[in-house]
PDB file of N, CA and C in Angstrom:
ATOM      1  N   MET A   1      -7.443 -30.746  -2.853  1.00  0.00           N
ATOM      2  CA  MET A   1      -7.448 -29.342  -2.506  1.00  0.00           C
ATOM      3  C   MET A   1      -6.469 -29.105  -1.354  1.00  0.00           C
ATOM      4  N   ILE A   2      -5.662 -28.091  -1.486  1.00  0.00           N
ATOM      5  CA  ILE A   2      -4.693 -27.758  -0.445  1.00  0.00           C
ATOM      6  C   ILE A   2      -5.377 -26.888   0.599  1.00  0.00           C
ATOM      7  N   THR A   3      -5.386 -27.359   1.830  1.00  0.00           N
ATOM      8  CA  THR A   3      -6.010 -26.603   2.919  1.00  0.00           C
ATOM      9  C   THR A   3      -4.986 -26.016   3.872  1.00  0.00           C
ATOM     10  N   ASP A   4      -3.737 -26.404   3.690  1.00  0.00           N
ATOM     11  CA  ASP A   4      -2.683 -25.941   4.583  1.00  0.00           C
ATOM     12  C   ASP A   4      -1.403 -25.822   3.765  1.00  0.00           C
ATOM     13  N   LEU A   5      -0.621 -24.782   4.004  1.00  0.00           N
ATOM     14  CA  LEU A   5       0.616 -24.601   3.245  1.00  0.00           C
ATOM     15  C   LEU A   5       1.600 -25.742   3.450  1.00  0.00           C
ATOM     16  N   THR A   6       1.498 -26.475   4.550  1.00  0.00           N
ATOM     17  CA  THR A   6       2.418 -27.589   4.789  1.00  0.00           C
ATOM     18  C   THR A   6       2.166 -28.746   3.829  1.00  0.00           C
ATOM     19  N   GLN A   7       1.001 -28.799   3.182  1.00  0.00           N
ATOM     20  CA  GLN A   7       0.700 -29.836   2.202  1.00  0.00           C
ATOM     21  C   GLN A   7       1.315 -29.525   0.842  1.00  0.00           C
ATOM     22  N   LEU A   8       1.685 -28.314   0.623  1.00  0.00           N
ATOM     23  CA  LEU A   8       2.220 -27.884  -0.665  1.00  0.00           C
ATOM     24  C   LEU A   8       3.656 -28.368  -0.810  1.00  0.00           C
ATOM     25  N   GLN A   9       3.945 -29.088  -1.868  1.00  0.00           N
ATOM     26  CA  GLN A   9       5.284 -29.626  -2.092  1.00  0.00           C
ATOM     27  C   GLN A   9       6.090 -28.706  -3.010  1.00  0.00           C
ATOM     28  N   ALA A  10       6.119 -27.459  -2.688  1.00  0.00           N
ATOM     29  CA  ALA A  10       6.858 -26.479  -3.479  1.00  0.00           C
ATOM     30  C   ALA A  10       7.390 -25.406  -2.538  1.00  0.00           C
ATOM     31  N   ILE A  11       8.244 -24.578  -3.074  1.00  0.00           N
ATOM     32  CA  ILE A  11       8.751 -23.465  -2.277  1.00  0.00           C
ATOM     33  C   ILE A  11       7.689 -22.375  -2.261  1.00  0.00           C
ATOM     34  N   ALA A  12       7.255 -22.002  -1.080  1.00  0.00           N
ATOM     35  CA  ALA A  12       6.213 -20.981  -0.948  1.00  0.00           C
ATOM     36  C   ALA A  12       6.820 -19.703  -0.382  1.00  0.00           C
ATOM     37  N   LEU A  13       6.627 -18.611  -1.102  1.00  0.00           N
ATOM     38  CA  LEU A  13       6.997 -17.288  -0.628  1.00  0.00           C
ATOM     39  C   LEU A  13       5.710 -16.497  -0.448  1.00  0.00           C
ATOM     40  N   VAL A  14       5.607 -15.772   0.638  1.00  0.00           N
ATOM     41  CA  VAL A  14       4.410 -14.980   0.906  1.00  0.00           C
ATOM     42  C   VAL A  14       4.720 -13.526   0.606  1.00  0.00           C
ATOM     43  N   LYS A  15       3.918 -12.925  -0.262  1.00  0.00           N
ATOM     44  CA  LYS A  15       4.143 -11.549  -0.696  1.00  0.00           C
ATOM     45  C   LYS A  15       3.216 -10.591   0.045  1.00  0.00           C
ATOM     46  N   GLY A  16       3.706  -9.381   0.271  1.00  0.00           N
ATOM     47  CA  GLY A  16       2.881  -8.340   0.864  1.00  0.00           C
ATOM     48  C   GLY A  16       3.056  -8.209   2.364  1.00  0.00           C
ATOM     49  N   ILE A  17       4.128  -8.757   2.903  1.00  0.00           N
ATOM     50  CA  ILE A  17       4.368  -8.689   4.344  1.00  0.00           C
ATOM     51  C   ILE A  17       5.041  -7.359   4.673  1.00  0.00           C
ATOM     52  N   LEU A  18       4.425  -6.588   5.561  1.00  0.00           N
ATOM     53  CA  LEU A  18       4.971  -5.292   5.968  1.00  0.00           C
ATOM     54  C   LEU A  18       5.049  -5.132   7.478  1.00  0.00           C
ATOM     55  N   GLN A  19       4.557  -6.118   8.220  1.00  0.00           N
ATOM     56  CA  GLN A  19       4.519  -5.992   9.674  1.00  0.00           C
ATOM     57  C   GLN A  19       5.136  -7.211  10.341  1.00  0.00           C
ATOM     58  N   ARG A  20       5.722  -6.970  11.498  1.00  0.00           N
ATOM     59  CA  ARG A  20       6.416  -7.997  12.273  1.00  0.00           C
ATOM     60  C   ARG A  20       5.514  -9.196  12.577  1.00  0.00           C
ATOM     61  N   ASP A  21       4.304  -8.952  13.039  1.00  0.00           N
ATOM     62  CA  ASP A  21       3.392 -10.036  13.412  1.00  0.00           C
ATOM     63  C   ASP A  21       3.076 -10.948  12.229  1.00  0.00           C
ATOM     64  N   ASN A  22       2.846 -10.360  11.075  1.00  0.00           N
ATOM     65  CA  ASN A  22       2.558 -11.158   9.885  1.00  0.00           C
ATOM     66  C   ASN A  22       3.779 -11.956   9.445  1.00  0.00           C
ATOM     67  N   ALA A  23       4.957 -11.387   9.611  1.00  0.00           N
ATOM     68  CA  ALA A  23       6.186 -12.104   9.271  1.00  0.00           C
ATOM     69  C   ALA A  23       6.346 -13.338  10.152  1.00  0.00           C
ATOM     70  N   ILE A  24       6.075 -13.190  11.423  1.00  0.00           N
ATOM     71  CA  ILE A  24       6.181 -14.318  12.355  1.00  0.00           C
ATOM     72  C   ILE A  24       5.167 -15.405  12.003  1.00  0.00           C
ATOM     73  N   LYS A  25       3.962 -15.017  11.616  1.00  0.00           N
ATOM     74  CA  LYS A  25       2.942 -16.001  11.229  1.00  0.00           C
ATOM     75  C   LYS A  25       3.375 -16.800  10.004  1.00  0.00           C
ATOM     76  N   THR A  26       4.040 -16.154   9.066  1.00  0.00           N
ATOM     77  CA  THR A  26       4.489 -16.889   7.877  1.00  0.00           C
ATOM     78  C   THR A  26       5.540 -17.928   8.239  1.00  0.00           C
ATOM     79  N   VAL A  27       6.399 -17.611   9.193  1.00  0.00           N
ATOM     80  CA  VAL A  27       7.391 -18.587   9.659  1.00  0.00           C
ATOM     81  C   VAL A  27       6.686 -19.762  10.330  1.00  0.00           C
ATOM     82  N   GLU A  28       5.680 -19.476  11.135  1.00  0.00           N
ATOM     83  CA  GLU A  28       4.928 -20.532  11.821  1.00  0.00           C
ATOM     84  C   GLU A  28       4.234 -21.475  10.839  1.00  0.00           C
ATOM     85  N   HIS A  29       3.895 -20.972   9.652  1.00  0.00           N
ATOM     86  CA  HIS A  29       3.242 -21.796   8.634  1.00  0.00           C
ATOM     87  C   HIS A  29       4.248 -22.449   7.690  1.00  0.00           C
ATOM     88  N   GLU A  30       5.515 -22.418   8.080  1.00  0.00           N
ATOM     89  CA  GLU A  30       6.586 -23.120   7.379  1.00  0.00           C
ATOM     90  C   GLU A  30       6.778 -22.692   5.931  1.00  0.00           C
ATOM     91  N   THR A  31       6.613 -21.428   5.648  1.00  0.00           N
ATOM     92  CA  THR A  31       6.942 -20.944   4.316  1.00  0.00           C
ATOM     93  C   THR A  31       8.456 -20.855   4.190  1.00  0.00           C
ATOM     94  N   LYS A  32       8.934 -20.780   2.984  1.00  0.00           N
ATOM     95  CA  LYS A  32      10.379 -20.704   2.755  1.00  0.00           C
ATOM     96  C   LYS A  32      10.884 -19.272   2.719  1.00  0.00           C
ATOM     97  N   GLY A  33       9.980 -18.318   2.514  1.00  0.00           N
ATOM     98  CA  GLY A  33      10.438 -16.945   2.433  1.00  0.00           C
ATOM     99  C   GLY A  33       9.320 -15.932   2.447  1.00  0.00           C
ATOM    100  N   ILE A  34       9.741 -14.680   2.575  1.00  0.00           N
ATOM    101  CA  ILE A  34       8.824 -13.548   2.652  1.00  0.00           C
ATOM    102  C   ILE A  34       9.245 -12.529   1.606  1.00  0.00           C
ATOM    103  N   ILE A  35       8.266 -11.978   0.922  1.00  0.00           N
ATOM    104  CA  ILE A  35       8.528 -10.866   0.016  1.00  0.00           C
ATOM    105  C   ILE A  35       7.979  -9.616   0.683  1.00  0.00           C
ATOM    106  N   VAL A  36       8.886  -8.761   1.134  1.00  0.00           N
ATOM    107  CA  VAL A  36       8.485  -7.504   1.769  1.00  0.00           C
ATOM    108  C   VAL A  36       8.064  -6.574   0.640  1.00  0.00           C
ATOM    109  N   SER A  37       6.782  -6.248   0.616  1.00  0.00           N
ATOM    110  CA  SER A  37       6.247  -5.493  -0.508  1.00  0.00           C
ATOM    111  C   SER A  37       4.937  -4.833  -0.128  1.00  0.00           C
ATOM    112  N   ASP A  38       4.705  -3.667  -0.729  1.00  0.00           N
ATOM    113  CA  ASP A  38       3.427  -2.994  -0.525  1.00  0.00           C
ATOM    114  C   ASP A  38       2.386  -3.488  -1.527  1.00  0.00           C
ATOM    115  N   ARG A  39       2.725  -4.493  -2.302  1.00  0.00           N
ATOM    116  CA  ARG A  39       1.864  -5.163  -3.283  1.00  0.00           C
ATOM    117  C   ARG A  39       1.429  -4.270  -4.423  1.00  0.00           C
ATOM    118  N   GLY A  40       1.926  -3.059  -4.498  1.00  0.00           N
ATOM    119  CA  GLY A  40       1.601  -2.186  -5.607  1.00  0.00           C
ATOM    120  C   GLY A  40       0.226  -1.567  -5.549  1.00  0.00           C
ATOM    121  N   ASP A  41      -0.460  -1.751  -4.435  1.00  0.00           N
ATOM    122  CA  ASP A  41      -1.780  -1.149  -4.300  1.00  0.00           C
ATOM    123  C   ASP A  41      -1.665   0.364  -4.266  1.00  0.00           C
ATOM    124  N   ARG A  42      -2.760   1.009  -4.501  1.00  0.00           N
ATOM    125  CA  ARG A  42      -2.793   2.464  -4.416  1.00  0.00           C
ATOM    126  C   ARG A  42      -2.437   2.872  -2.994  1.00  0.00           C
ATOM    127  N   GLN A  43      -1.505   3.771  -2.883  1.00  0.00           N
ATOM    128  CA  GLN A  43      -1.005   4.153  -1.569  1.00  0.00           C
ATOM    129  C   GLN A  43      -1.862   5.231  -0.925  1.00  0.00           C
ATOM    130  N   LEU A  44      -2.038   5.089   0.357  1.00  0.00           N
ATOM    131  CA  LEU A  44      -2.714   6.098   1.156  1.00  0.00           C
ATOM    132  C   LEU A  44      -1.657   6.919   1.872  1.00  0.00           C
ATOM    133  N   ASP A  45      -2.040   8.032   2.438  1.00  0.00           N
ATOM    134  CA  ASP A  45      -1.074   8.901   3.099  1.00  0.00           C
ATOM    135  C   ASP A  45      -0.315   8.206   4.219  1.00  0.00           C
ATOM    136  N   GLY A  46      -0.960   7.325   4.950  1.00  0.00           N
ATOM    137  CA  GLY A  46      -0.326   6.693   6.096  1.00  0.00           C
ATOM    138  C   GLY A  46       0.215   5.300   5.835  1.00  0.00           C
ATOM    139  N   ALA A  47       0.290   4.879   4.577  1.00  0.00           N
ATOM    140  CA  ALA A  47       0.726   3.521   4.262  1.00  0.00           C
ATOM    141  C   ALA A  47       2.221   3.341   4.522  1.00  0.00           C
ATOM    142  N   ILE A  48       2.590   2.143   4.921  1.00  0.00           N
ATOM    143  CA  ILE A  48       3.989   1.801   5.146  1.00  0.00           C
ATOM    144  C   ILE A  48       4.631   1.475   3.803  1.00  0.00           C
ATOM    145  N   VAL A  49       5.819   1.990   3.565  1.00  0.00           N
ATOM    146  CA  VAL A  49       6.535   1.659   2.335  1.00  0.00           C
ATOM    147  C   VAL A  49       7.519   0.531   2.615  1.00  0.00           C
ATOM    148  N   THR A  50       7.945  -0.129   1.569  1.00  0.00           N
ATOM    149  CA  THR A  50       8.764  -1.325   1.684  1.00  0.00           C
ATOM    150  C   THR A  50      10.021  -1.118   2.519  1.00  0.00           C
ATOM    151  N   LEU A  51      10.805  -0.099   2.223  1.00  0.00           N
ATOM    152  CA  LEU A  51      12.059   0.105   2.954  1.00  0.00           C
ATOM    153  C   LEU A  51      11.831   0.415   4.425  1.00  0.00           C
ATOM    154  N   ASP A  52      10.718   1.058   4.756  1.00  0.00           N
ATOM    155  CA  ASP A  52      10.417   1.342   6.162  1.00  0.00           C
ATOM    156  C   ASP A  52      10.106   0.061   6.939  1.00  0.00           C
ATOM    157  N   ALA A  53       9.526  -0.911   6.287  1.00  0.00           N
ATOM    158  CA  ALA A  53       9.136  -2.158   6.951  1.00  0.00           C
ATOM    159  C   ALA A  53      10.255  -3.193   6.981  1.00  0.00           C
ATOM    160  N   LEU A  54      11.248  -3.032   6.143  1.00  0.00           N
ATOM    161  CA  LEU A  54      12.264  -4.065   5.948  1.00  0.00           C
ATOM    162  C   LEU A  54      12.995  -4.467   7.225  1.00  0.00           C
ATOM    163  N   SER A  55      13.516  -3.515   7.964  1.00  0.00           N
ATOM    164  CA  SER A  55      14.319  -3.864   9.143  1.00  0.00           C
ATOM    165  C   SER A  55      13.486  -4.574  10.212  1.00  0.00           C
ATOM    166  N   GLU A  56      12.238  -4.172  10.377  1.00  0.00           N
ATOM    167  CA  GLU A  56      11.356  -4.810  11.365  1.00  0.00           C
ATOM    168  C   GLU A  56      11.055  -6.258  10.982  1.00  0.00           C
ATOM    169  N   VAL A  57      10.785  -6.485   9.715  1.00  0.00           N
ATOM    170  CA  VAL A  57      10.473  -7.832   9.238  1.00  0.00           C
ATOM    171  C   VAL A  57      11.699  -8.738   9.350  1.00  0.00           C
ATOM    172  N   VAL A  58      12.849  -8.242   8.926  1.00  0.00           N
ATOM    173  CA  VAL A  58      14.073  -9.045   8.993  1.00  0.00           C
ATOM    174  C   VAL A  58      14.414  -9.391  10.441  1.00  0.00           C
ATOM    175  N   ALA A  59      14.269  -8.445  11.341  1.00  0.00           N
ATOM    176  CA  ALA A  59      14.553  -8.703  12.757  1.00  0.00           C
ATOM    177  C   ALA A  59      13.620  -9.770  13.328  1.00  0.00           C
ATOM    178  N   ALA A  60      12.386  -9.801  12.860  1.00  0.00           N
ATOM    179  CA  ALA A  60      11.406 -10.757  13.377  1.00  0.00           C
ATOM    180  C   ALA A  60      11.683 -12.189  12.924  1.00  0.00           C
ATOM    181  N   VAL A  61      12.256 -12.358  11.739  1.00  0.00           N
ATOM    182  CA  VAL A  61      12.427 -13.705  11.175  1.00  0.00           C
ATOM    183  C   VAL A  61      13.886 -14.069  10.922  1.00  0.00           C
ATOM    184  N   ARG A  62      14.782 -13.334  11.501  1.00  0.00           N
ATOM    185  CA  ARG A  62      16.208 -13.490  11.201  1.00  0.00           C
ATOM    186  C   ARG A  62      16.640 -14.957  11.123  1.00  0.00           C
ATOM    187  N   ASN A  63      17.245 -15.291   9.974  1.00  0.00           N
ATOM    188  CA  ASN A  63      17.839 -16.610   9.708  1.00  0.00           C
ATOM    189  C   ASN A  63      16.848 -17.773   9.718  1.00  0.00           C
ATOM    190  N   GLN A  64      15.564 -17.511   9.666  1.00  0.00           N
ATOM    191  CA  GLN A  64      14.582 -18.599   9.623  1.00  0.00           C
ATOM    192  C   GLN A  64      14.017 -18.800   8.226  1.00  0.00           C
ATOM    193  N   VAL A  65      13.867 -17.720   7.469  1.00  0.00           N
ATOM    194  CA  VAL A  65      13.344 -17.784   6.104  1.00  0.00           C
ATOM    195  C   VAL A  65      14.092 -16.773   5.237  1.00  0.00           C
ATOM    196  N   TYR A  66      13.956 -16.931   3.936  1.00  0.00           N
ATOM    197  CA  TYR A  66      14.510 -15.945   3.018  1.00  0.00           C
ATOM    198  C   TYR A  66      13.657 -14.687   3.069  1.00  0.00           C
ATOM    199  N   VAL A  67      14.294 -13.527   2.943  1.00  0.00           N
ATOM    200  CA  VAL A  67      13.567 -12.260   2.877  1.00  0.00           C
ATOM    201  C   VAL A  67      13.982 -11.561   1.589  1.00  0.00           C
ATOM    202  N   VAL A  68      12.983 -11.216   0.783  1.00  0.00           N
ATOM    203  CA  VAL A  68      13.203 -10.586  -0.512  1.00  0.00           C
ATOM    204  C   VAL A  68      12.447  -9.269  -0.536  1.00  0.00           C
ATOM    205  N   ILE A  69      13.014  -8.274  -1.203  1.00  0.00           N
ATOM    206  CA  ILE A  69      12.308  -7.001  -1.373  1.00  0.00           C
ATOM    207  C   ILE A  69      11.529  -7.079  -2.678  1.00  0.00           C
ATOM    208  N   GLY A  70      10.231  -6.832  -2.602  1.00  0.00           N
ATOM    209  CA  GLY A  70       9.379  -6.973  -3.768  1.00  0.00           C
ATOM    210  C   GLY A  70       9.214  -5.719  -4.598  1.00  0.00           C
ATOM    211  N   ARG A  71       9.297  -4.577  -3.971  1.00  0.00           N
ATOM    212  CA  ARG A  71       9.095  -3.313  -4.686  1.00  0.00           C
ATOM    213  C   ARG A  71       9.919  -2.231  -4.011  1.00  0.00           C
ATOM    214  N   GLY A  72      10.025  -1.119  -4.684  1.00  0.00           N
ATOM    215  CA  GLY A  72      10.631   0.047  -4.064  1.00  0.00           C
ATOM    216  C   GLY A  72      12.084   0.283  -4.422  1.00  0.00           C
ATOM    217  N   ILE A  73      12.720  -0.630  -5.150  1.00  0.00           N
ATOM    218  CA  ILE A  73      14.105  -0.433  -5.558  1.00  0.00           C
ATOM    219  C   ILE A  73      14.097   0.262  -6.915  1.00  0.00           C
ATOM    220  N   ARG A  74      14.408   1.531  -6.913  1.00  0.00           N
ATOM    221  CA  ARG A  74      14.387   2.318  -8.148  1.00  0.00           C
ATOM    222  C   ARG A  74      15.781   2.713  -8.611  1.00  0.00           C
ATOM    223  N   ARG A  75      16.718   2.741  -7.683  1.00  0.00           N
ATOM    224  CA  ARG A  75      18.095   3.115  -7.998  1.00  0.00           C
ATOM    225  C   ARG A  75      19.030   2.185  -7.236  1.00  0.00           C
ATOM    226  N   SER A  76      20.275   2.160  -7.675  1.00  0.00           N
ATOM    227  CA  SER A  76      21.256   1.319  -6.980  1.00  0.00           C
ATOM    228  C   SER A  76      21.470   1.780  -5.545  1.00  0.00           C
ATOM    229  N   THR A  77      21.264   3.052  -5.268  1.00  0.00           N
ATOM    230  CA  THR A  77      21.437   3.543  -3.895  1.00  0.00           C
ATOM    231  C   THR A  77      20.387   2.951  -2.954  1.00  0.00           C
ATOM    232  N   TYR A  78      19.234   2.558  -3.481  1.00  0.00           N
ATOM    233  CA  TYR A  78      18.209   1.927  -2.652  1.00  0.00           C
ATOM    234  C   TYR A  78      18.685   0.559  -2.149  1.00  0.00           C
ATOM    235  N   ILE A  79      19.486  -0.125  -2.960  1.00  0.00           N
ATOM    236  CA  ILE A  79      20.037  -1.416  -2.535  1.00  0.00           C
ATOM    237  C   ILE A  79      20.966  -1.212  -1.349  1.00  0.00           C
ATOM    238  N   ILE A  80      21.788  -0.182  -1.412  1.00  0.00           N
ATOM    239  CA  ILE A  80      22.699   0.127  -0.309  1.00  0.00           C
ATOM    240  C   ILE A  80      21.902   0.475   0.946  1.00  0.00           C
ATOM    241  N   LYS A  81      20.846   1.250   0.799  1.00  0.00           N
ATOM    242  CA  LYS A  81      19.994   1.593   1.946  1.00  0.00           C
ATOM    243  C   LYS A  81      19.358   0.343   2.549  1.00  0.00           C
ATOM    244  N   ALA A  82      18.864  -0.541   1.694  1.00  0.00           N
ATOM    245  CA  ALA A  82      18.225  -1.770   2.175  1.00  0.00           C
ATOM    246  C   ALA A  82      19.220  -2.635   2.942  1.00  0.00           C
ATOM    247  N   LEU A  83      20.422  -2.773   2.424  1.00  0.00           N
ATOM    248  CA  LEU A  83      21.441  -3.559   3.121  1.00  0.00           C
ATOM    249  C   LEU A  83      21.815  -2.926   4.452  1.00  0.00           C
ATOM    250  N   ALA A  84      21.895  -1.615   4.486  1.00  0.00           N
ATOM    251  CA  ALA A  84      22.228  -0.915   5.733  1.00  0.00           C
ATOM    252  C   ALA A  84      21.131  -1.090   6.782  1.00  0.00           C
ATOM    253  N   LEU A  85      19.898  -1.198   6.351  1.00  0.00           N
ATOM    254  CA  LEU A  85      18.781  -1.350   7.284  1.00  0.00           C
ATOM    255  C   LEU A  85      18.763  -2.710   7.975  1.00  0.00           C
ATOM    256  N   VAL A  86      19.308  -3.721   7.340  1.00  0.00           N
ATOM    257  CA  VAL A  86      19.204  -5.071   7.894  1.00  0.00           C
ATOM    258  C   VAL A  86      20.485  -5.586   8.539  1.00  0.00           C
ATOM    259  N   VAL A  87      21.523  -4.803   8.525  1.00  0.00           N
ATOM    260  CA  VAL A  87      22.795  -5.237   9.137  1.00  0.00           C
ATOM    261  C   VAL A  87      22.749  -5.017  10.625  1.00  0.00           C
TER     262      VAL A  87
END
């Protein structure tokens, strides 16, 4: 039984990261990457959307792990917005 992610001999990506603190914790647990995503749950009025969280998460883990966008890309212009947010 795996009790710690460091025992896993595979590439581990953690999905559903929207906050800086959680992004830092994933780096501390030696994951290979983060999927910035709202996980597709039913949204509430005050929920954070993927593109809003992207720049904060990338700034927190810059060059330590891979960062992937999990949801929210509906048009090619969203890709340009995402790239602009992390530069």
